[in-house]
Amino acid sequence: SRRHLMRGVIAQFCYVGAQVGVASFVIRFAEHALPGTHEKLAARFLQLHLAGFMLGRFAGSMAMKRIAAPRLLSAFAGSSLLCLAVMLLGSGAAAIAAIVLLGFFHSIMFPTIFALSLKDLGPYTKLGSSLLVMAIIGGAICPALMGMISDASNIQVAFVVPLLCQAYVLYFALRG
């Protein structure tokens, strides 16, 4: 009976799955997008991805003082989709820049989805919170699915999983 909450739980599942999946495969993706890339350089891209996540959390928190949470979530989800499209269709430096930027755009999603999902739940807030916390199982399922796709094809194709996940997060931000 709480459709908004259920959409939020699905969005949280998708977001966590996408975020963990992307972060788990940054190094492997970098080695694929830039053949011959040494593991240490590929690991630097992961560091930059995570630094972007941290910077995005601070910048997003400051921006939320002026921009409504659903609108900011929409902008970040749309930007994530754009980065993922570049990663899926591109190669080389552009694909690497996109995966690094993706950390920034993932930054505000967890707390924003959480808060928006609980809005106006009243006595169901505790139940809603527990469902949202359980939704982090997406962080186990989506990377495993990405791994299976990668084994069957390649790591670049596997990023269709976070693309679909981010599409749902965008839907939640706009309509959910």
N, C-alpha and C. Protein backbone atom coordinates (compact mmCIF):
# COMPACT_ATOMS: atom_id res chain seq x y z
N SER A 1 0.82 -1.20 0.00
CA SER A 1 0.00 0.00 0.00
C SER A 1 0.86 1.27 0.00
N ARG A 2 2.14 1.14 0.20
CA ARG A 2 3.07 2.28 0.20
C ARG A 2 3.94 2.21 -1.05
N ARG A 3 3.34 2.55 -2.18
CA ARG A 3 4.04 2.41 -3.47
C ARG A 3 5.32 3.24 -3.51
N HIS A 4 5.26 4.45 -2.96
CA HIS A 4 6.44 5.31 -2.98
C HIS A 4 7.61 4.64 -2.24
N LEU A 5 7.33 4.04 -1.12
CA LEU A 5 8.37 3.34 -0.37
C LEU A 5 8.92 2.17 -1.18
N MET A 6 8.05 1.40 -1.79
CA MET A 6 8.52 0.24 -2.55
C MET A 6 9.37 0.66 -3.74
N ARG A 7 8.99 1.75 -4.39
CA ARG A 7 9.83 2.27 -5.48
C ARG A 7 11.18 2.71 -4.94
N GLY A 8 11.17 3.29 -3.75
CA GLY A 8 12.41 3.71 -3.11
C GLY A 8 13.30 2.53 -2.75
N VAL A 9 12.70 1.45 -2.29
CA VAL A 9 13.47 0.24 -1.96
C VAL A 9 14.12 -0.31 -3.23
N ILE A 10 13.38 -0.34 -4.32
CA ILE A 10 13.94 -0.82 -5.59
C ILE A 10 15.05 0.12 -6.06
N ALA A 11 14.82 1.44 -5.93
CA ALA A 11 15.84 2.41 -6.33
C ALA A 11 17.11 2.24 -5.49
N GLN A 12 16.94 1.99 -4.18
CA GLN A 12 18.11 1.80 -3.32
C GLN A 12 18.86 0.53 -3.71
N PHE A 13 18.13 -0.54 -3.98
CA PHE A 13 18.73 -1.78 -4.46
C PHE A 13 19.54 -1.51 -5.72
N CYS A 14 18.93 -0.81 -6.66
CA CYS A 14 19.60 -0.52 -7.93
C CYS A 14 20.81 0.38 -7.73
N TYR A 15 20.66 1.43 -6.93
CA TYR A 15 21.79 2.33 -6.72
C TYR A 15 22.97 1.60 -6.09
N VAL A 16 22.73 0.87 -5.00
CA VAL A 16 23.83 0.19 -4.31
C VAL A 16 24.46 -0.84 -5.24
N GLY A 17 23.64 -1.55 -6.00
CA GLY A 17 24.17 -2.50 -6.96
C GLY A 17 25.05 -1.84 -8.00
N ALA A 18 24.60 -0.70 -8.52
CA ALA A 18 25.39 0.03 -9.52
C ALA A 18 26.67 0.57 -8.91
N GLN A 19 26.58 1.15 -7.75
CA GLN A 19 27.76 1.78 -7.13
C GLN A 19 28.82 0.73 -6.79
N VAL A 20 28.42 -0.35 -6.17
CA VAL A 20 29.37 -1.39 -5.81
C VAL A 20 29.91 -2.08 -7.07
N GLY A 21 29.03 -2.31 -8.04
CA GLY A 21 29.47 -2.93 -9.29
C GLY A 21 30.50 -2.09 -10.02
N VAL A 22 30.25 -0.80 -10.13
CA VAL A 22 31.20 0.08 -10.81
C VAL A 22 32.52 0.10 -10.07
N ALA A 23 32.48 0.36 -8.77
CA ALA A 23 33.72 0.46 -7.99
C ALA A 23 34.50 -0.86 -8.01
N SER A 24 33.79 -1.97 -8.05
CA SER A 24 34.46 -3.27 -8.05
C SER A 24 35.23 -3.55 -9.34
N PHE A 25 34.80 -2.92 -10.43
CA PHE A 25 35.39 -3.24 -11.73
C PHE A 25 36.14 -2.08 -12.38
N VAL A 26 36.45 -1.02 -11.62
CA VAL A 26 37.18 0.11 -12.20
C VAL A 26 38.52 -0.35 -12.77
N ILE A 27 39.27 -1.10 -12.00
CA ILE A 27 40.61 -1.51 -12.44
C ILE A 27 40.52 -2.39 -13.69
N ARG A 28 39.64 -3.35 -13.66
CA ARG A 28 39.48 -4.24 -14.81
C ARG A 28 39.01 -3.47 -16.04
N PHE A 29 38.09 -2.52 -15.83
CA PHE A 29 37.60 -1.71 -16.94
C PHE A 29 38.73 -0.86 -17.53
N ALA A 30 39.54 -0.26 -16.66
CA ALA A 30 40.64 0.58 -17.14
C ALA A 30 41.62 -0.24 -17.97
N GLU A 31 41.90 -1.45 -17.54
CA GLU A 31 42.80 -2.31 -18.31
C GLU A 31 42.20 -2.70 -19.66
N HIS A 32 40.88 -2.78 -19.71
CA HIS A 32 40.19 -3.11 -20.97
C HIS A 32 40.14 -1.88 -21.88
N ALA A 33 39.78 -0.72 -21.32
CA ALA A 33 39.60 0.50 -22.12
C ALA A 33 40.93 1.05 -22.63
N LEU A 34 41.98 0.85 -21.86
CA LEU A 34 43.32 1.29 -22.25
C LEU A 34 44.25 0.08 -22.23
N PRO A 35 44.24 -0.71 -23.27
CA PRO A 35 45.08 -1.92 -23.29
C PRO A 35 46.54 -1.59 -22.95
N GLY A 36 47.13 -2.46 -22.16
CA GLY A 36 48.51 -2.26 -21.74
C GLY A 36 48.66 -1.43 -20.48
N THR A 37 47.53 -1.00 -19.90
CA THR A 37 47.59 -0.20 -18.68
C THR A 37 48.08 -1.07 -17.53
N HIS A 38 49.07 -0.56 -16.82
CA HIS A 38 49.62 -1.27 -15.67
C HIS A 38 48.60 -1.23 -14.52
N GLU A 39 48.59 -2.25 -13.69
CA GLU A 39 47.64 -2.33 -12.57
C GLU A 39 47.74 -1.13 -11.63
N LYS A 40 48.94 -0.63 -11.42
CA LYS A 40 49.10 0.53 -10.51
C LYS A 40 48.43 1.78 -11.07
N LEU A 41 48.54 1.98 -12.37
CA LEU A 41 47.85 3.12 -12.98
C LEU A 41 46.35 2.91 -12.94
N ALA A 42 45.90 1.69 -13.21
CA ALA A 42 44.47 1.38 -13.14
C ALA A 42 43.94 1.60 -11.73
N ALA A 43 44.75 1.26 -10.73
CA ALA A 43 44.35 1.49 -9.33
C ALA A 43 44.25 2.98 -9.03
N ARG A 44 45.05 3.79 -9.69
CA ARG A 44 44.97 5.25 -9.52
C ARG A 44 43.61 5.76 -9.98
N PHE A 45 43.08 5.17 -11.05
CA PHE A 45 41.75 5.57 -11.53
C PHE A 45 40.68 5.23 -10.48
N LEU A 46 40.85 4.12 -9.79
CA LEU A 46 39.93 3.78 -8.70
C LEU A 46 40.04 4.81 -7.59
N GLN A 47 41.25 5.22 -7.25
CA GLN A 47 41.43 6.25 -6.23
C GLN A 47 40.74 7.55 -6.63
N LEU A 48 40.88 7.93 -7.89
CA LEU A 48 40.23 9.15 -8.37
C LEU A 48 38.71 9.01 -8.35
N HIS A 49 38.22 7.84 -8.70
CA HIS A 49 36.78 7.56 -8.65
C HIS A 49 36.26 7.76 -7.22
N LEU A 50 36.98 7.21 -6.26
CA LEU A 50 36.56 7.31 -4.86
C LEU A 50 36.73 8.73 -4.32
N ALA A 51 37.76 9.43 -4.77
CA ALA A 51 37.94 10.84 -4.37
C ALA A 51 36.77 11.67 -4.91
N GLY A 52 36.35 11.37 -6.14
CA GLY A 52 35.19 12.05 -6.70
C GLY A 52 33.94 11.78 -5.89
N PHE A 53 33.81 10.56 -5.40
CA PHE A 53 32.68 10.21 -4.54
C PHE A 53 32.66 11.10 -3.30
N MET A 54 33.82 11.25 -2.67
CA MET A 54 33.92 12.07 -1.47
C MET A 54 33.61 13.54 -1.78
N LEU A 55 34.20 14.06 -2.83
CA LEU A 55 33.95 15.46 -3.19
C LEU A 55 32.47 15.68 -3.56
N GLY A 56 31.90 14.73 -4.25
CA GLY A 56 30.49 14.83 -4.62
C GLY A 56 29.57 14.84 -3.41
N ARG A 57 29.93 14.09 -2.38
CA ARG A 57 29.11 14.06 -1.17
C ARG A 57 29.08 15.44 -0.52
N PHE A 58 30.24 16.09 -0.44
CA PHE A 58 30.30 17.44 0.15
C PHE A 58 29.59 18.45 -0.75
N ALA A 59 29.89 18.42 -2.03
CA ALA A 59 29.27 19.36 -2.97
C ALA A 59 27.76 19.15 -3.05
N GLY A 60 27.35 17.90 -3.07
CA GLY A 60 25.92 17.59 -3.12
C GLY A 60 25.18 18.05 -1.88
N SER A 61 25.81 17.88 -0.73
CA SER A 61 25.19 18.34 0.52
C SER A 61 25.01 19.85 0.51
N MET A 62 26.01 20.55 0.01
CA MET A 62 25.91 22.01 -0.06
C MET A 62 24.86 22.43 -1.09
N ALA A 63 24.81 21.73 -2.22
CA ALA A 63 23.86 22.07 -3.27
C ALA A 63 22.42 21.83 -2.83
N MET A 64 22.23 20.84 -1.94
CA MET A 64 20.87 20.52 -1.50
C MET A 64 20.25 21.61 -0.65
N LYS A 65 21.06 22.55 -0.21
CA LYS A 65 20.51 23.70 0.53
C LYS A 65 19.74 24.62 -0.41
N ARG A 66 20.08 24.55 -1.70
CA ARG A 66 19.45 25.43 -2.69
C ARG A 66 18.60 24.68 -3.72
N ILE A 67 18.89 23.41 -3.91
CA ILE A 67 18.21 22.63 -4.94
C ILE A 67 17.41 21.52 -4.27
N ALA A 68 16.18 21.34 -4.66
CA ALA A 68 15.32 20.30 -4.08
C ALA A 68 15.94 18.93 -4.32
N ALA A 69 15.82 18.07 -3.32
CA ALA A 69 16.44 16.74 -3.37
C ALA A 69 16.04 15.93 -4.61
N PRO A 70 14.76 15.87 -4.99
CA PRO A 70 14.42 15.09 -6.20
C PRO A 70 15.08 15.66 -7.46
N ARG A 71 15.18 16.96 -7.54
CA ARG A 71 15.80 17.58 -8.71
C ARG A 71 17.30 17.29 -8.75
N LEU A 72 17.97 17.38 -7.62
CA LEU A 72 19.41 17.09 -7.58
C LEU A 72 19.66 15.61 -7.86
N LEU A 73 18.83 14.74 -7.29
CA LEU A 73 18.96 13.31 -7.57
C LEU A 73 18.76 13.05 -9.06
N SER A 74 17.81 13.71 -9.69
CA SER A 74 17.58 13.57 -11.13
C SER A 74 18.81 13.98 -11.92
N ALA A 75 19.41 15.11 -11.55
CA ALA A 75 20.59 15.59 -12.26
C ALA A 75 21.76 14.62 -12.11
N PHE A 76 21.96 14.10 -10.91
CA PHE A 76 23.07 13.18 -10.68
C PHE A 76 22.80 11.83 -11.36
N ALA A 77 21.56 11.37 -11.34
CA ALA A 77 21.24 10.09 -12.01
C ALA A 77 21.37 10.24 -13.53
N GLY A 78 20.91 11.36 -14.06
CA GLY A 78 21.06 11.61 -15.50
C GLY A 78 22.52 11.69 -15.91
N SER A 79 23.32 12.34 -15.08
CA SER A 79 24.76 12.44 -15.35
C SER A 79 25.42 11.06 -15.26
N SER A 80 24.97 10.24 -14.33
CA SER A 80 25.48 8.88 -14.22
C SER A 80 25.16 8.08 -15.47
N LEU A 81 23.95 8.24 -15.97
CA LEU A 81 23.56 7.55 -17.21
C LEU A 81 24.44 8.00 -18.38
N LEU A 82 24.73 9.28 -18.45
CA LEU A 82 25.59 9.79 -19.51
C LEU A 82 26.99 9.18 -19.40
N CYS A 83 27.54 9.15 -18.20
CA CYS A 83 28.87 8.54 -17.98
C CYS A 83 28.86 7.06 -18.39
N LEU A 84 27.83 6.36 -18.00
CA LEU A 84 27.76 4.93 -18.34
C LEU A 84 27.61 4.72 -19.84
N ALA A 85 26.88 5.60 -20.52
CA ALA A 85 26.76 5.50 -21.98
C ALA A 85 28.12 5.71 -22.65
N VAL A 86 28.89 6.66 -22.15
CA VAL A 86 30.23 6.89 -22.69
C VAL A 86 31.10 5.66 -22.45
N MET A 87 30.97 5.06 -21.28
CA MET A 87 31.75 3.86 -20.97
C MET A 87 31.37 2.69 -21.87
N LEU A 88 30.09 2.54 -22.15
CA LEU A 88 29.62 1.43 -22.97
C LEU A 88 29.96 1.61 -24.45
N LEU A 89 29.90 2.84 -24.91
CA LEU A 89 30.06 3.10 -26.34
C LEU A 89 31.45 3.58 -26.71
N GLY A 90 32.21 4.07 -25.72
CA GLY A 90 33.50 4.65 -26.01
C GLY A 90 34.66 3.76 -25.60
N SER A 91 35.84 4.35 -25.72
CA SER A 91 37.05 3.64 -25.29
C SER A 91 38.10 4.70 -24.98
N GLY A 92 39.23 4.24 -24.50
CA GLY A 92 40.34 5.14 -24.25
C GLY A 92 40.08 6.12 -23.12
N ALA A 93 40.65 7.31 -23.29
CA ALA A 93 40.61 8.32 -22.23
C ALA A 93 39.19 8.76 -21.89
N ALA A 94 38.31 8.83 -22.89
CA ALA A 94 36.93 9.25 -22.64
C ALA A 94 36.23 8.27 -21.71
N ALA A 95 36.40 6.99 -21.95
CA ALA A 95 35.77 5.97 -21.10
C ALA A 95 36.35 6.01 -19.69
N ILE A 96 37.64 6.25 -19.58
CA ILE A 96 38.28 6.33 -18.26
C ILE A 96 37.79 7.57 -17.52
N ALA A 97 37.70 8.70 -18.21
CA ALA A 97 37.18 9.91 -17.57
C ALA A 97 35.75 9.69 -17.09
N ALA A 98 34.96 8.98 -17.86
CA ALA A 98 33.58 8.72 -17.49
C ALA A 98 33.48 7.88 -16.23
N ILE A 99 34.32 6.85 -16.11
CA ILE A 99 34.24 6.00 -14.91
C ILE A 99 34.76 6.74 -13.69
N VAL A 100 35.73 7.63 -13.87
CA VAL A 100 36.20 8.44 -12.75
C VAL A 100 35.11 9.41 -12.31
N LEU A 101 34.46 10.08 -13.25
CA LEU A 101 33.38 11.02 -12.93
C LEU A 101 32.18 10.33 -12.28
N LEU A 102 31.98 9.09 -12.62
CA LEU A 102 30.84 8.35 -12.09
C LEU A 102 30.85 8.33 -10.56
N GLY A 103 32.03 8.29 -9.97
CA GLY A 103 32.12 8.33 -8.51
C GLY A 103 31.47 9.59 -7.95
N PHE A 104 31.73 10.72 -8.58
CA PHE A 104 31.13 11.99 -8.15
C PHE A 104 29.61 11.91 -8.20
N PHE A 105 29.08 11.39 -9.30
CA PHE A 105 27.63 11.39 -9.48
C PHE A 105 26.92 10.33 -8.64
N HIS A 106 27.62 9.33 -8.18
CA HIS A 106 27.01 8.34 -7.28
C HIS A 106 26.91 8.86 -5.84
N SER A 107 27.62 9.89 -5.54
CA SER A 107 27.85 10.31 -4.16
C SER A 107 26.61 10.61 -3.32
N ILE A 108 25.64 11.27 -3.87
CA ILE A 108 24.49 11.70 -3.05
C ILE A 108 23.33 10.71 -3.07
N MET A 109 23.43 9.67 -3.84
CA MET A 109 22.26 8.84 -4.09
C MET A 109 21.75 8.08 -2.87
N PHE A 110 22.62 7.41 -2.12
CA PHE A 110 22.14 6.62 -1.00
C PHE A 110 21.33 7.45 0.00
N PRO A 111 21.90 8.53 0.55
CA PRO A 111 21.11 9.26 1.55
C PRO A 111 19.89 9.95 0.96
N THR A 112 19.98 10.36 -0.29
CA THR A 112 18.85 11.06 -0.91
C THR A 112 17.69 10.10 -1.18
N ILE A 113 18.00 8.94 -1.74
CA ILE A 113 16.96 7.93 -1.96
C ILE A 113 16.35 7.53 -0.62
N PHE A 114 17.18 7.34 0.38
CA PHE A 114 16.72 6.95 1.71
C PHE A 114 15.71 7.96 2.25
N ALA A 115 16.10 9.23 2.24
CA ALA A 115 15.23 10.28 2.80
C ALA A 115 13.95 10.43 1.98
N LEU A 116 14.07 10.43 0.66
CA LEU A 116 12.87 10.60 -0.17
C LEU A 116 11.91 9.42 -0.01
N SER A 117 12.43 8.24 0.19
CA SER A 117 11.60 7.04 0.33
C SER A 117 10.79 7.06 1.63
N LEU A 118 11.35 7.68 2.65
CA LEU A 118 10.69 7.70 3.96
C LEU A 118 9.73 8.87 4.14
N LYS A 119 9.71 9.77 3.18
CA LYS A 119 8.89 10.97 3.30
C LYS A 119 7.42 10.61 3.52
N ASP A 120 6.83 11.20 4.54
CA ASP A 120 5.40 11.06 4.86
C ASP A 120 4.96 9.64 5.21
N LEU A 121 5.86 8.81 5.73
CA LEU A 121 5.47 7.45 6.11
C LEU A 121 4.86 7.38 7.50
N GLY A 122 5.10 8.39 8.32
CA GLY A 122 4.52 8.39 9.65
C GLY A 122 4.88 7.16 10.46
N PRO A 123 3.88 6.39 10.91
CA PRO A 123 4.16 5.22 11.76
C PRO A 123 4.88 4.08 11.03
N TYR A 124 4.98 4.16 9.72
CA TYR A 124 5.66 3.12 8.95
C TYR A 124 7.14 3.45 8.69
N THR A 125 7.63 4.52 9.29
CA THR A 125 9.01 4.96 9.05
C THR A 125 10.02 3.90 9.45
N LYS A 126 9.84 3.27 10.60
CA LYS A 126 10.80 2.24 11.04
C LYS A 126 10.80 1.05 10.09
N LEU A 127 9.64 0.61 9.69
CA LEU A 127 9.55 -0.49 8.73
C LEU A 127 10.20 -0.09 7.41
N GLY A 128 9.91 1.11 6.96
CA GLY A 128 10.50 1.60 5.72
C GLY A 128 12.02 1.66 5.80
N SER A 129 12.53 2.12 6.92
CA SER A 129 13.98 2.19 7.12
C SER A 129 14.61 0.81 7.03
N SER A 130 13.99 -0.16 7.65
CA SER A 130 14.56 -1.51 7.64
C SER A 130 14.52 -2.10 6.22
N LEU A 131 13.48 -1.82 5.46
CA LEU A 131 13.42 -2.30 4.08
C LEU A 131 14.51 -1.64 3.23
N LEU A 132 14.73 -0.36 3.45
CA LEU A 132 15.76 0.35 2.69
C LEU A 132 17.16 -0.16 3.03
N VAL A 133 17.38 -0.51 4.28
CA VAL A 133 18.67 -1.07 4.67
C VAL A 133 18.85 -2.45 4.04
N MET A 134 17.79 -3.24 4.00
CA MET A 134 17.88 -4.56 3.38
C MET A 134 18.15 -4.47 1.88
N ALA A 135 17.78 -3.35 1.27
CA ALA A 135 17.96 -3.18 -0.17
C ALA A 135 19.43 -3.13 -0.58
N ILE A 136 20.33 -2.99 0.38
CA ILE A 136 21.75 -2.96 0.02
C ILE A 136 22.23 -4.30 -0.52
N ILE A 137 21.38 -5.31 -0.48
CA ILE A 137 21.72 -6.60 -1.08
C ILE A 137 22.02 -6.44 -2.58
N GLY A 138 21.54 -5.36 -3.15
CA GLY A 138 21.87 -5.06 -4.55
C GLY A 138 23.38 -5.00 -4.78
N GLY A 139 24.12 -4.61 -3.74
CA GLY A 139 25.57 -4.55 -3.82
C GLY A 139 26.23 -5.91 -3.91
N ALA A 140 25.49 -6.96 -3.65
CA ALA A 140 26.00 -8.33 -3.82
C ALA A 140 25.53 -8.93 -5.14
N ILE A 141 24.31 -8.61 -5.52
CA ILE A 141 23.71 -9.23 -6.70
C ILE A 141 24.22 -8.61 -8.01
N CYS A 142 24.23 -7.30 -8.09
CA CYS A 142 24.62 -6.65 -9.36
C CYS A 142 26.08 -6.91 -9.75
N PRO A 143 27.04 -6.82 -8.83
CA PRO A 143 28.42 -7.14 -9.25
C PRO A 143 28.56 -8.59 -9.70
N ALA A 144 27.85 -9.52 -9.06
CA ALA A 144 27.91 -10.92 -9.50
C ALA A 144 27.34 -11.05 -10.91
N LEU A 145 26.25 -10.36 -11.18
CA LEU A 145 25.66 -10.36 -12.52
C LEU A 145 26.62 -9.74 -13.53
N MET A 146 27.28 -8.66 -13.13
CA MET A 146 28.27 -8.04 -14.02
C MET A 146 29.41 -9.01 -14.31
N GLY A 147 29.84 -9.74 -13.30
CA GLY A 147 30.91 -10.71 -13.49
C GLY A 147 30.51 -11.81 -14.47
N MET A 148 29.27 -12.28 -14.35
CA MET A 148 28.80 -13.32 -15.27
C MET A 148 28.76 -12.79 -16.71
N ILE A 149 28.29 -11.56 -16.88
CA ILE A 149 28.23 -10.97 -18.22
C ILE A 149 29.64 -10.76 -18.75
N SER A 150 30.52 -10.29 -17.90
CA SER A 150 31.91 -10.07 -18.30
C SER A 150 32.57 -11.37 -18.75
N ASP A 151 32.33 -12.44 -18.02
CA ASP A 151 32.90 -13.73 -18.39
C ASP A 151 32.35 -14.23 -19.72
N ALA A 152 31.09 -13.94 -19.98
CA ALA A 152 30.46 -14.39 -21.22
C ALA A 152 30.81 -13.48 -22.40
N SER A 153 31.13 -12.22 -22.12
CA SER A 153 31.41 -11.26 -23.19
C SER A 153 32.70 -10.51 -22.87
N ASN A 154 32.55 -9.31 -22.27
CA ASN A 154 33.70 -8.56 -21.78
C ASN A 154 33.23 -7.56 -20.73
N ILE A 155 34.18 -6.95 -20.04
CA ILE A 155 33.84 -6.08 -18.91
C ILE A 155 33.05 -4.85 -19.37
N GLN A 156 33.33 -4.37 -20.57
CA GLN A 156 32.61 -3.19 -21.04
C GLN A 156 31.12 -3.48 -21.19
N VAL A 157 30.78 -4.62 -21.75
CA VAL A 157 29.38 -5.00 -21.92
C VAL A 157 28.69 -5.16 -20.56
N ALA A 158 29.43 -5.60 -19.56
CA ALA A 158 28.87 -5.81 -18.22
C ALA A 158 28.33 -4.52 -17.61
N PHE A 159 28.81 -3.38 -18.09
CA PHE A 159 28.34 -2.11 -17.52
C PHE A 159 26.93 -1.75 -17.96
N VAL A 160 26.29 -2.61 -18.73
CA VAL A 160 24.87 -2.42 -19.02
C VAL A 160 24.05 -2.60 -17.74
N VAL A 161 24.56 -3.41 -16.79
CA VAL A 161 23.83 -3.62 -15.52
C VAL A 161 23.71 -2.31 -14.74
N PRO A 162 24.82 -1.59 -14.46
CA PRO A 162 24.65 -0.32 -13.77
C PRO A 162 23.87 0.71 -14.60
N LEU A 163 23.95 0.62 -15.92
CA LEU A 163 23.17 1.53 -16.76
C LEU A 163 21.68 1.34 -16.50
N LEU A 164 21.22 0.11 -16.49
CA LEU A 164 19.81 -0.17 -16.21
C LEU A 164 19.43 0.25 -14.79
N CYS A 165 20.34 0.01 -13.87
CA CYS A 165 20.09 0.41 -12.47
C CYS A 165 19.94 1.93 -12.36
N GLN A 166 20.83 2.67 -13.02
CA GLN A 166 20.76 4.13 -12.95
C GLN A 166 19.52 4.66 -13.65
N ALA A 167 19.06 3.96 -14.68
CA ALA A 167 17.82 4.36 -15.34
C ALA A 167 16.65 4.29 -14.36
N TYR A 168 16.64 3.25 -13.52
CA TYR A 168 15.58 3.14 -12.53
C TYR A 168 15.70 4.24 -11.46
N VAL A 169 16.92 4.55 -11.06
CA VAL A 169 17.12 5.63 -10.08
C VAL A 169 16.61 6.95 -10.66
N LEU A 170 16.87 7.19 -11.93
CA LEU A 170 16.36 8.40 -12.57
C LEU A 170 14.83 8.39 -12.59
N TYR A 171 14.24 7.26 -12.91
CA TYR A 171 12.78 7.14 -12.86
C TYR A 171 12.27 7.48 -11.45
N PHE A 172 12.90 6.93 -10.42
CA PHE A 172 12.48 7.20 -9.05
C PHE A 172 12.58 8.70 -8.75
N ALA A 173 13.66 9.31 -9.17
CA ALA A 173 13.86 10.74 -8.89
C ALA A 173 12.80 11.60 -9.58
N LEU A 174 12.42 11.20 -10.78
CA LEU A 174 11.46 11.99 -11.55
C LEU A 174 10.01 11.68 -11.22
N ARG A 175 9.71 10.39 -10.99
CA ARG A 175 8.31 9.98 -10.85
C ARG A 175 8.02 9.15 -9.61
N GLY A 176 9.06 8.55 -9.05
CA GLY A 176 8.84 7.58 -7.99
C GLY A 176 8.27 8.16 -6.74
